[in-house]
Amino acid sequence: MRIDIPEQKKLVHEMTIPMRWGDMDAMGHMNNTVYFRYMEIARLEWLMAIGCPPDPRGEGLVIANAFCNFIHQLEYPTQVLLRSYVSTPGRSSFDTWVTMERTSEPDVICAAGGATAVWVDFRAQKSMPLPERLRQLIE
């Protein structure tokens, strides 16, 4: 099943990650699990940059679901450009999207994925309304 990234989304963060030798699998391309790690890194970098880091003793994001469409293989060595987007804010959740490209081939998307992020009170183990500063950045 392929899930497409929506047209209606907001670019919120860009970063580059150097692919490591250990990110490859036996087939010589980036292991499928690493794509999810890269999306996680991009999401956390954005949250840190906007002052909303997760606090295990307080509040933060949890991922309700995640997916990735693998379009072109990424092989070592390369630099991976990750572009992070957000959309669809609800009371306590919003959608996150990430595209991955080689910096040597800009605008050729190698992978595209996303996740539904839910803001939670970690102690209570319950969702809670998005912080206003986060909501304003998403809308």
C-alpha atoms as a PDB file:
ATOM      1  CA  MET A   1       0.000   0.000   0.000  1.00  0.00           C
ATOM      2  CA  ARG A   2       1.286   3.446  -0.897  1.00  0.00           C
ATOM      3  CA  ILE A   3       0.262   6.485   1.149  1.00  0.00           C
ATOM      4  CA  ASP A   4       0.763   9.791  -0.628  1.00  0.00           C
ATOM      5  CA  ILE A   5       1.859  12.974   1.097  1.00  0.00           C
ATOM      6  CA  PRO A   6      -0.873  15.617   0.805  1.00  0.00           C
ATOM      7  CA  GLU A   7      -0.529  18.797  -1.207  1.00  0.00           C
ATOM      8  CA  GLN A   8      -1.786  20.844   1.774  1.00  0.00           C
ATOM      9  CA  LYS A   9       1.151  20.846   4.187  1.00  0.00           C
ATOM     10  CA  LYS A  10       3.526  23.332   5.769  1.00  0.00           C
ATOM     11  CA  LEU A  11       7.334  23.089   5.544  1.00  0.00           C
ATOM     12  CA  VAL A  12       8.697  23.503   9.077  1.00  0.00           C
ATOM     13  CA  HIS A  13      12.249  22.147   9.071  1.00  0.00           C
ATOM     14  CA  GLU A  14      15.145  21.059   6.854  1.00  0.00           C
ATOM     15  CA  MET A  15      18.296  19.205   7.816  1.00  0.00           C
ATOM     16  CA  THR A  16      21.025  17.058   6.294  1.00  0.00           C
ATOM     17  CA  ILE A  17      22.207  13.718   7.657  1.00  0.00           C
ATOM     18  CA  PRO A  18      25.332  11.976   6.371  1.00  0.00           C
ATOM     19  CA  MET A  19      24.518   8.355   5.613  1.00  0.00           C
ATOM     20  CA  ARG A  20      26.766   6.063   7.627  1.00  0.00           C
ATOM     21  CA  TRP A  21      28.362   2.831   6.401  1.00  0.00           C
ATOM     22  CA  GLY A  22      26.446   0.951   9.097  1.00  0.00           C
ATOM     23  CA  ASP A  23      23.126   2.280   7.761  1.00  0.00           C
ATOM     24  CA  MET A  24      23.373  -0.146   4.829  1.00  0.00           C
ATOM     25  CA  ASP A  25      21.989  -3.655   4.751  1.00  0.00           C
ATOM     26  CA  ALA A  26      23.395  -6.765   3.076  1.00  0.00           C
ATOM     27  CA  MET A  27      21.944  -5.616  -0.257  1.00  0.00           C
ATOM     28  CA  GLY A  28      24.155  -2.499  -0.248  1.00  0.00           C
ATOM     29  CA  HIS A  29      21.452   0.117   0.276  1.00  0.00           C
ATOM     30  CA  MET A  30      20.038   1.867   3.305  1.00  0.00           C
ATOM     31  CA  ASN A  31      18.185  -0.546   5.561  1.00  0.00           C
ATOM     32  CA  ASN A  32      14.430   0.076   5.662  1.00  0.00           C
ATOM     33  CA  THR A  33      14.450   0.623   9.432  1.00  0.00           C
ATOM     34  CA  VAL A  34      16.956   3.474   9.078  1.00  0.00           C
ATOM     35  CA  TYR A  35      14.482   5.559   7.084  1.00  0.00           C
ATOM     36  CA  PHE A  36      12.237   5.571  10.162  1.00  0.00           C
ATOM     37  CA  ARG A  37      15.212   6.575  12.350  1.00  0.00           C
ATOM     38  CA  TYR A  38      15.970   9.478  10.033  1.00  0.00           C
ATOM     39  CA  MET A  39      12.332  10.625  10.213  1.00  0.00           C
ATOM     40  CA  GLU A  40      12.516  10.386  14.012  1.00  0.00           C
ATOM     41  CA  ILE A  41      15.716  12.452  14.069  1.00  0.00           C
ATOM     42  CA  ALA A  42      14.130  15.115  11.848  1.00  0.00           C
ATOM     43  CA  ARG A  43      10.987  15.252  14.018  1.00  0.00           C
ATOM     44  CA  LEU A  44      13.018  15.589  17.239  1.00  0.00           C
ATOM     45  CA  GLU A  45      15.363  18.209  15.748  1.00  0.00           C
ATOM     46  CA  TRP A  46      12.324  20.290  14.775  1.00  0.00           C
ATOM     47  CA  LEU A  47      10.713  19.912  18.216  1.00  0.00           C
ATOM     48  CA  MET A  48      13.959  20.952  19.907  1.00  0.00           C
ATOM     49  CA  ALA A  49      14.341  23.945  17.565  1.00  0.00           C
ATOM     50  CA  ILE A  50      10.860  25.254  18.406  1.00  0.00           C
ATOM     51  CA  GLY A  51      11.204  24.725  22.156  1.00  0.00           C
ATOM     52  CA  CYS A  52       8.923  21.693  22.475  1.00  0.00           C
ATOM     53  CA  PRO A  53      11.288  18.886  23.460  1.00  0.00           C
ATOM     54  CA  PRO A  54       9.675  15.745  24.851  1.00  0.00           C
ATOM     55  CA  ASP A  55       9.810  15.556  28.642  1.00  0.00           C
ATOM     56  CA  PRO A  56       9.288  11.999  29.958  1.00  0.00           C
ATOM     57  CA  ARG A  57       8.218  13.499  33.310  1.00  0.00           C
ATOM     58  CA  GLY A  58       5.794  15.908  31.645  1.00  0.00           C
ATOM     59  CA  GLU A  59       4.423  16.309  28.126  1.00  0.00           C
ATOM     60  CA  GLY A  60       5.452  15.461  24.603  1.00  0.00           C
ATOM     61  CA  LEU A  61       4.688  13.661  21.382  1.00  0.00           C
ATOM     62  CA  VAL A  62       4.060   9.991  20.813  1.00  0.00           C
ATOM     63  CA  ILE A  63       3.619   8.432  17.404  1.00  0.00           C
ATOM     64  CA  ALA A  64       0.249   6.791  16.741  1.00  0.00           C
ATOM     65  CA  ASN A  65       1.257   5.360  13.350  1.00  0.00           C
ATOM     66  CA  ALA A  66       4.042   5.691  10.801  1.00  0.00           C
ATOM     67  CA  PHE A  67       4.720   4.778   7.182  1.00  0.00           C
ATOM     68  CA  CYS A  68       7.391   5.155   4.530  1.00  0.00           C
ATOM     69  CA  ASN A  69       7.270   4.913   0.738  1.00  0.00           C
ATOM     70  CA  PHE A  70      10.609   3.717  -0.659  1.00  0.00           C
ATOM     71  CA  ILE A  71      11.032   5.275  -4.111  1.00  0.00           C
ATOM     72  CA  HIS A  72      14.775   5.229  -4.951  1.00  0.00           C
ATOM     73  CA  GLN A  73      17.514   3.414  -3.070  1.00  0.00           C
ATOM     74  CA  LEU A  74      19.942   5.395  -0.940  1.00  0.00           C
ATOM     75  CA  GLU A  75      23.474   4.039  -1.020  1.00  0.00           C
ATOM     76  CA  TYR A  76      26.631   4.956   0.872  1.00  0.00           C
ATOM     77  CA  PRO A  77      28.217   7.479   0.622  1.00  0.00           C
ATOM     78  CA  THR A  78      25.637  10.219   0.421  1.00  0.00           C
ATOM     79  CA  GLN A  79      24.212  13.148   2.303  1.00  0.00           C
ATOM     80  CA  VAL A  80      20.445  12.918   2.863  1.00  0.00           C
ATOM     81  CA  LEU A  81      18.347  16.079   2.856  1.00  0.00           C
ATOM     82  CA  LEU A  82      15.256  15.708   5.036  1.00  0.00           C
ATOM     83  CA  ARG A  83      12.388  18.146   4.659  1.00  0.00           C
ATOM     84  CA  SER A  84       9.775  18.051   7.418  1.00  0.00           C
ATOM     85  CA  TYR A  85       6.179  19.164   6.990  1.00  0.00           C
ATOM     86  CA  VAL A  86       3.097  19.306   9.209  1.00  0.00           C
ATOM     87  CA  SER A  87      -0.646  19.357   8.558  1.00  0.00           C
ATOM     88  CA  THR A  88      -4.084  18.496   9.853  1.00  0.00           C
ATOM     89  CA  PRO A  89      -3.975  19.783  13.429  1.00  0.00           C
ATOM     90  CA  GLY A  90      -6.666  18.374  15.703  1.00  0.00           C
ATOM     91  CA  ARG A  91      -7.294  18.837  19.397  1.00  0.00           C
ATOM     92  CA  SER A  92      -4.291  16.773  20.473  1.00  0.00           C
ATOM     93  CA  SER A  93      -2.739  15.485  17.247  1.00  0.00           C
ATOM     94  CA  PHE A  94      -1.339  16.488  13.872  1.00  0.00           C
ATOM     95  CA  ASP A  95       0.261  14.790  10.899  1.00  0.00           C
ATOM     96  CA  THR A  96       3.979  14.953  10.184  1.00  0.00           C
ATOM     97  CA  TRP A  97       5.577  14.252   6.804  1.00  0.00           C
ATOM     98  CA  VAL A  98       9.200  13.857   5.719  1.00  0.00           C
ATOM     99  CA  THR A  99      10.795  13.673   2.285  1.00  0.00           C
ATOM    100  CA  MET A 100      14.322  12.370   1.767  1.00  0.00           C
ATOM    101  CA  GLU A 101      16.598  13.346  -1.123  1.00  0.00           C
ATOM    102  CA  ARG A 102      20.288  13.031  -1.920  1.00  0.00           C
ATOM    103  CA  THR A 103      21.892  16.464  -1.624  1.00  0.00           C
ATOM    104  CA  SER A 104      23.663  15.655  -4.904  1.00  0.00           C
ATOM    105  CA  GLU A 105      20.267  15.207  -6.615  1.00  0.00           C
ATOM    106  CA  PRO A 106      17.996  17.894  -5.172  1.00  0.00           C
ATOM    107  CA  ASP A 107      14.281  17.543  -5.801  1.00  0.00           C
ATOM    108  CA  VAL A 108      14.525  13.810  -6.576  1.00  0.00           C
ATOM    109  CA  ILE A 109      12.621  12.260  -3.682  1.00  0.00           C
ATOM    110  CA  CYS A 110      14.093   8.915  -2.655  1.00  0.00           C
ATOM    111  CA  ALA A 111      11.652   8.255   0.174  1.00  0.00           C
ATOM    112  CA  ALA A 112       8.609   9.934   1.654  1.00  0.00           C
ATOM    113  CA  GLY A 113       6.948   9.077   4.911  1.00  0.00           C
ATOM    114  CA  GLY A 114       4.862  10.349   7.708  1.00  0.00           C
ATOM    115  CA  ALA A 115       3.400   9.818  11.126  1.00  0.00           C
ATOM    116  CA  THR A 116       0.457  10.916  13.198  1.00  0.00           C
ATOM    117  CA  ALA A 117       1.808  12.626  16.301  1.00  0.00           C
ATOM    118  CA  VAL A 118      -0.259  12.886  19.486  1.00  0.00           C
ATOM    119  CA  TRP A 119       0.541  15.302  22.328  1.00  0.00           C
ATOM    120  CA  VAL A 120       0.332  13.446  25.644  1.00  0.00           C
ATOM    121  CA  ASP A 121       0.707  13.842  29.373  1.00  0.00           C
ATOM    122  CA  PHE A 122       3.250  11.069  29.973  1.00  0.00           C
ATOM    123  CA  ARG A 123       2.424  10.637  33.665  1.00  0.00           C
ATOM    124  CA  ALA A 124      -1.318  10.356  33.073  1.00  0.00           C
ATOM    125  CA  GLN A 125      -0.783   8.352  29.849  1.00  0.00           C
ATOM    126  CA  LYS A 126      -3.492  10.437  28.163  1.00  0.00           C
ATOM    127  CA  SER A 127      -3.699  12.754  25.216  1.00  0.00           C
ATOM    128  CA  MET A 128      -4.022  16.441  25.941  1.00  0.00           C
ATOM    129  CA  PRO A 129      -4.570  19.583  23.846  1.00  0.00           C
ATOM    130  CA  LEU A 130      -1.655  20.717  21.708  1.00  0.00           C
ATOM    131  CA  PRO A 131       0.311  23.544  23.352  1.00  0.00           C
ATOM    132  CA  GLU A 132      -0.771  26.858  21.846  1.00  0.00           C
ATOM    133  CA  ARG A 133       2.755  27.701  20.596  1.00  0.00           C
ATOM    134  CA  LEU A 134       2.871  24.374  18.733  1.00  0.00           C
ATOM    135  CA  ARG A 135      -0.649  24.787  17.337  1.00  0.00           C
ATOM    136  CA  GLN A 136       0.259  28.242  15.977  1.00  0.00           C
ATOM    137  CA  LEU A 137       3.293  26.810  14.166  1.00  0.00           C
ATOM    138  CA  ILE A 138       1.237  24.022  12.592  1.00  0.00           C
ATOM    139  CA  GLU A 139      -1.745  26.105  11.444  1.00  0.00           C
END
